[in-house]
Amino acid sequence: MQRVEKVNLKVGDESVSAEWTIPQRLLGVFTLAHGAGAGMHHPFLKGLAHELALHQMASLRFNFLYMEKGSKRPDLPARAHAVIEAAVEAAATAFPDKPLFLSGKSFGGRMSSQWLAAHPDAAVKGIVFFGFPLHPPGKPATDRADHLKRISRPMLFLQGTRDEFATGHLLNSVIQHLPQATVEWFQGADHSFKAGKRNLLPDLAAVTAQWLAKI
């Protein structure tokens, strides 16, 4: 059994929609930030929240400010970070006795990690990337990962082997310099974790649960 609760997050003088997915028994709490092109109600995020709950993990999905307003242009980092902070505060307040983790799909994961790098004392146990966007398609580079060196928490990278936003050897080279980082590769999956007719959401949640149990 799991329940869904709609809430609003206050972000300065503005607010964004958010939604909890909460299992009956709870091992950990995740903020779950959406990617650049799809909001909190995207089937991938809703399905992932459901699968995480099956492993006794609650998740708080939310919109960034631009998505709340119906814009297609992602917020600048400072505005995105403010939303991440509001989600962290809401999660910590709702479940103060449970371990708190950040997570996000693509843009949402990168913004979450930037916020965490800038807040080393945050009461966050780790971060999960559901497809880290290391570089734009066709433009291999690693500068988007520079801030990860300032994160002292465990990190889990879940990546598809056909992800055009993260060339395999480049991401592996980045992770080699992150002592607390782990990567799990999903064969044949693209940036959206599409791999033919396979539904990878249960696998993504299962690997996340295994990682959580270890730390």
Protein backbone atom coordinates (compact mmCIF):
# COMPACT_ATOMS: atom_id res chain seq x y z
CA MET A 1 0.00 0.00 0.00
CA GLN A 2 1.11 3.53 -0.76
CA ARG A 3 -0.58 6.90 -0.65
CA VAL A 4 -0.22 10.06 -2.74
CA GLU A 5 -0.42 13.52 -1.17
CA LYS A 6 -0.46 16.80 -3.07
CA VAL A 7 1.34 19.76 -1.50
CA ASN A 8 2.78 23.13 -2.48
CA LEU A 9 6.34 24.25 -1.90
CA LYS A 10 7.00 27.86 -0.99
CA VAL A 11 9.93 29.29 -2.96
CA GLY A 12 10.49 32.88 -1.89
CA ASP A 13 7.42 34.83 -3.01
CA GLU A 14 6.43 32.04 -5.40
CA SER A 15 5.31 28.44 -5.06
CA VAL A 16 5.38 25.20 -7.03
CA SER A 17 3.24 22.09 -7.09
CA ALA A 18 4.58 18.96 -5.46
CA GLU A 19 3.38 15.44 -4.75
CA TRP A 20 4.40 12.81 -2.22
CA THR A 21 4.32 9.07 -2.86
CA ILE A 22 4.55 7.38 0.54
CA PRO A 23 4.63 3.66 1.38
CA GLN A 24 3.21 2.21 4.59
CA ARG A 25 6.68 1.24 5.82
CA LEU A 26 9.44 3.74 5.23
CA LEU A 27 13.21 3.23 5.00
CA GLY A 28 14.26 6.46 3.29
CA VAL A 29 13.01 9.68 1.74
CA PHE A 30 13.93 11.03 -1.71
CA THR A 31 13.46 14.36 -3.40
CA LEU A 32 12.80 13.54 -7.07
CA ALA A 33 13.45 16.39 -9.50
CA HIS A 34 12.23 16.28 -13.10
CA GLY A 35 14.21 16.67 -16.32
CA ALA A 36 14.38 19.78 -18.46
CA GLY A 37 11.59 18.90 -20.86
CA ALA A 38 8.97 17.23 -18.66
CA GLY A 39 7.42 18.10 -15.31
CA MET A 40 6.62 16.19 -12.15
CA HIS A 41 3.65 14.36 -13.72
CA HIS A 42 5.65 12.74 -16.50
CA PRO A 43 4.91 8.98 -16.63
CA PHE A 44 8.58 8.16 -16.03
CA LEU A 45 8.68 10.06 -12.74
CA LYS A 46 5.26 8.90 -11.57
CA GLY A 47 6.15 5.31 -12.38
CA LEU A 48 9.52 5.63 -10.69
CA ALA A 49 7.89 7.05 -7.56
CA HIS A 50 5.54 4.06 -7.47
CA GLU A 51 8.41 1.58 -7.86
CA LEU A 52 10.48 3.29 -5.18
CA ALA A 53 7.54 3.04 -2.80
CA LEU A 54 7.40 -0.72 -3.40
CA HIS A 55 10.90 -0.76 -1.90
CA GLN A 56 9.76 1.31 1.11
CA MET A 57 11.16 4.60 -0.18
CA ALA A 58 9.04 7.76 -0.15
CA SER A 59 9.58 10.39 -2.82
CA LEU A 60 8.67 14.04 -3.24
CA ARG A 61 8.17 15.07 -6.86
CA PHE A 62 7.87 18.77 -7.68
CA ASN A 63 7.96 21.26 -10.52
CA PHE A 64 10.69 23.77 -11.08
CA LEU A 65 9.43 27.34 -11.33
CA TYR A 66 9.57 27.53 -15.13
CA MET A 67 7.59 24.31 -15.51
CA GLU A 68 5.00 25.52 -13.01
CA LYS A 69 4.47 28.58 -15.24
CA GLY A 70 4.24 26.53 -18.43
CA SER A 71 7.53 27.78 -19.86
CA LYS A 72 9.81 25.53 -21.91
CA ARG A 73 12.98 27.39 -20.96
CA PRO A 74 14.65 25.93 -17.87
CA ASP A 75 15.38 28.21 -14.94
CA LEU A 76 18.83 29.59 -14.32
CA PRO A 77 20.70 27.54 -11.69
CA ALA A 78 20.02 29.96 -8.82
CA ARG A 79 16.25 29.64 -9.26
CA ALA A 80 16.46 25.89 -9.70
CA HIS A 81 18.58 25.59 -6.57
CA ALA A 82 15.99 27.55 -4.59
CA VAL A 83 13.36 24.95 -5.50
CA ILE A 84 15.69 22.10 -4.55
CA GLU A 85 16.24 23.74 -1.17
CA ALA A 86 12.49 24.10 -0.63
CA ALA A 87 12.03 20.41 -1.42
CA VAL A 88 14.83 19.40 0.94
CA GLU A 89 13.31 21.46 3.74
CA ALA A 90 9.85 20.00 3.11
CA ALA A 91 11.17 16.44 3.11
CA ALA A 92 13.24 16.94 6.25
CA THR A 93 10.25 18.48 8.03
CA ALA A 94 7.83 15.74 6.97
CA PHE A 95 10.13 12.85 7.97
CA PRO A 96 12.77 14.19 10.36
CA ASP A 97 13.75 10.74 11.62
CA LYS A 98 14.35 9.14 8.21
CA PRO A 99 17.48 9.35 6.02
CA LEU A 100 17.10 11.94 3.27
CA PHE A 101 18.44 11.53 -0.26
CA LEU A 102 18.41 13.77 -3.32
CA SER A 103 17.62 12.38 -6.75
CA GLY A 104 16.62 13.58 -10.17
CA LYS A 105 16.20 12.85 -13.84
CA SER A 106 18.85 14.52 -16.03
CA PHE A 107 18.56 18.31 -15.44
CA GLY A 108 16.90 17.67 -12.07
CA GLY A 109 19.77 15.50 -10.90
CA ARG A 110 22.38 18.00 -12.05
CA MET A 111 20.64 20.91 -10.30
CA SER A 112 20.28 18.80 -7.14
CA SER A 113 23.98 17.96 -7.15
CA GLN A 114 24.95 21.59 -7.70
CA TRP A 115 22.86 22.56 -4.68
CA LEU A 116 24.42 19.79 -2.60
CA ALA A 117 27.94 20.82 -3.63
CA ALA A 118 27.17 24.33 -2.40
CA HIS A 119 25.66 23.07 0.89
CA PRO A 120 28.18 20.57 2.31
CA ASP A 121 26.54 20.64 5.75
CA ALA A 122 23.07 19.70 4.49
CA ALA A 123 21.42 16.77 6.28
CA VAL A 124 21.49 14.67 3.11
CA LYS A 125 22.81 11.10 3.06
CA GLY A 126 23.44 10.76 -0.68
CA ILE A 127 22.24 11.46 -4.20
CA VAL A 128 20.96 9.34 -7.10
CA PHE A 129 21.19 10.38 -10.75
CA PHE A 130 18.66 8.86 -13.11
CA GLY A 131 20.66 9.71 -16.22
CA PHE A 132 23.33 12.33 -15.45
CA PRO A 133 23.58 14.81 -18.39
CA LEU A 134 27.35 14.97 -18.65
CA HIS A 135 27.32 16.84 -21.96
CA PRO A 136 24.99 17.82 -24.84
CA PRO A 137 24.54 15.15 -27.52
CA GLY A 138 27.45 15.12 -29.93
CA LYS A 139 29.54 17.47 -27.78
CA PRO A 140 31.53 15.24 -25.42
CA ALA A 141 32.98 17.08 -22.42
CA THR A 142 33.23 16.68 -18.65
CA ASP A 143 33.01 20.25 -17.28
CA ARG A 144 29.40 19.70 -16.13
CA ALA A 145 30.77 17.25 -13.59
CA ASP A 146 33.41 19.52 -12.03
CA HIS A 147 31.20 20.36 -9.05
CA LEU A 148 30.79 16.69 -8.15
CA LYS A 149 34.29 16.72 -6.65
CA ARG A 150 32.94 18.95 -3.87
CA ILE A 151 30.30 16.41 -2.80
CA SER A 152 31.34 14.19 0.09
CA ARG A 153 28.20 12.02 0.07
CA PRO A 154 27.66 8.67 -1.68
CA MET A 155 26.51 9.07 -5.28
CA LEU A 156 24.71 6.56 -7.49
CA PHE A 157 24.75 7.04 -11.26
CA LEU A 158 22.15 5.03 -13.20
CA GLN A 159 22.96 5.33 -16.90
CA GLY A 160 21.93 3.80 -20.20
CA THR A 161 24.64 2.52 -22.51
CA ARG A 162 23.00 4.41 -25.42
CA ASP A 163 22.68 7.69 -23.51
CA GLU A 164 23.75 10.48 -25.89
CA PHE A 165 24.11 12.84 -22.93
CA ALA A 166 26.83 10.78 -21.25
CA THR A 167 29.51 9.08 -23.32
CA GLY A 168 30.43 5.93 -21.43
CA HIS A 169 34.21 6.28 -21.23
CA LEU A 170 33.92 9.96 -20.24
CA LEU A 171 31.49 9.27 -17.40
CA ASN A 172 33.64 6.39 -16.21
CA SER A 173 36.67 8.70 -16.19
CA VAL A 174 34.75 11.19 -14.04
CA ILE A 175 33.57 8.53 -11.59
CA GLN A 176 37.11 7.20 -11.14
CA HIS A 177 37.92 10.45 -9.34
CA LEU A 178 34.84 10.32 -7.07
CA PRO A 179 35.65 7.92 -4.20
CA GLN A 180 32.05 7.55 -3.04
CA ALA A 181 30.48 7.21 -6.49
CA THR A 182 28.92 4.07 -7.97
CA VAL A 183 27.66 3.60 -11.53
CA GLU A 184 25.21 1.02 -12.83
CA TRP A 185 24.91 0.67 -16.60
CA PHE A 186 21.64 -0.41 -18.25
CA GLN A 187 22.40 -2.19 -21.49
CA GLY A 188 20.67 -0.79 -24.57
CA ALA A 189 18.93 2.04 -22.70
CA ASP A 190 18.91 5.64 -23.95
CA HIS A 191 18.71 8.85 -21.93
CA SER A 192 15.01 8.21 -21.26
CA PHE A 193 15.79 4.63 -20.17
CA LYS A 194 14.01 3.24 -23.20
CA ALA A 195 15.44 -0.12 -24.24
CA GLY A 196 13.09 -1.72 -26.71
CA LYS A 197 9.96 -3.00 -25.01
CA ARG A 198 11.63 -3.49 -21.63
CA ASN A 199 10.26 -1.60 -18.64
CA LEU A 200 13.34 -0.56 -16.68
CA LEU A 201 11.54 1.29 -13.89
CA PRO A 202 11.45 -1.75 -11.56
CA ASP A 203 15.17 -2.29 -12.17
CA LEU A 204 16.02 1.35 -11.48
CA ALA A 205 14.14 1.22 -8.18
CA ALA A 206 15.65 -2.14 -7.21
CA VAL A 207 19.22 -0.96 -7.81
CA THR A 208 18.48 2.21 -5.84
CA ALA A 209 17.14 0.14 -2.94
CA GLN A 210 20.21 -2.10 -2.96
CA TRP A 211 22.48 0.94 -2.90
CA LEU A 212 20.51 2.51 -0.05
CA ALA A 213 20.79 -0.69 1.98
CA LYS A 214 24.58 -0.64 1.65
CA ILE A 215 25.00 2.91 2.92
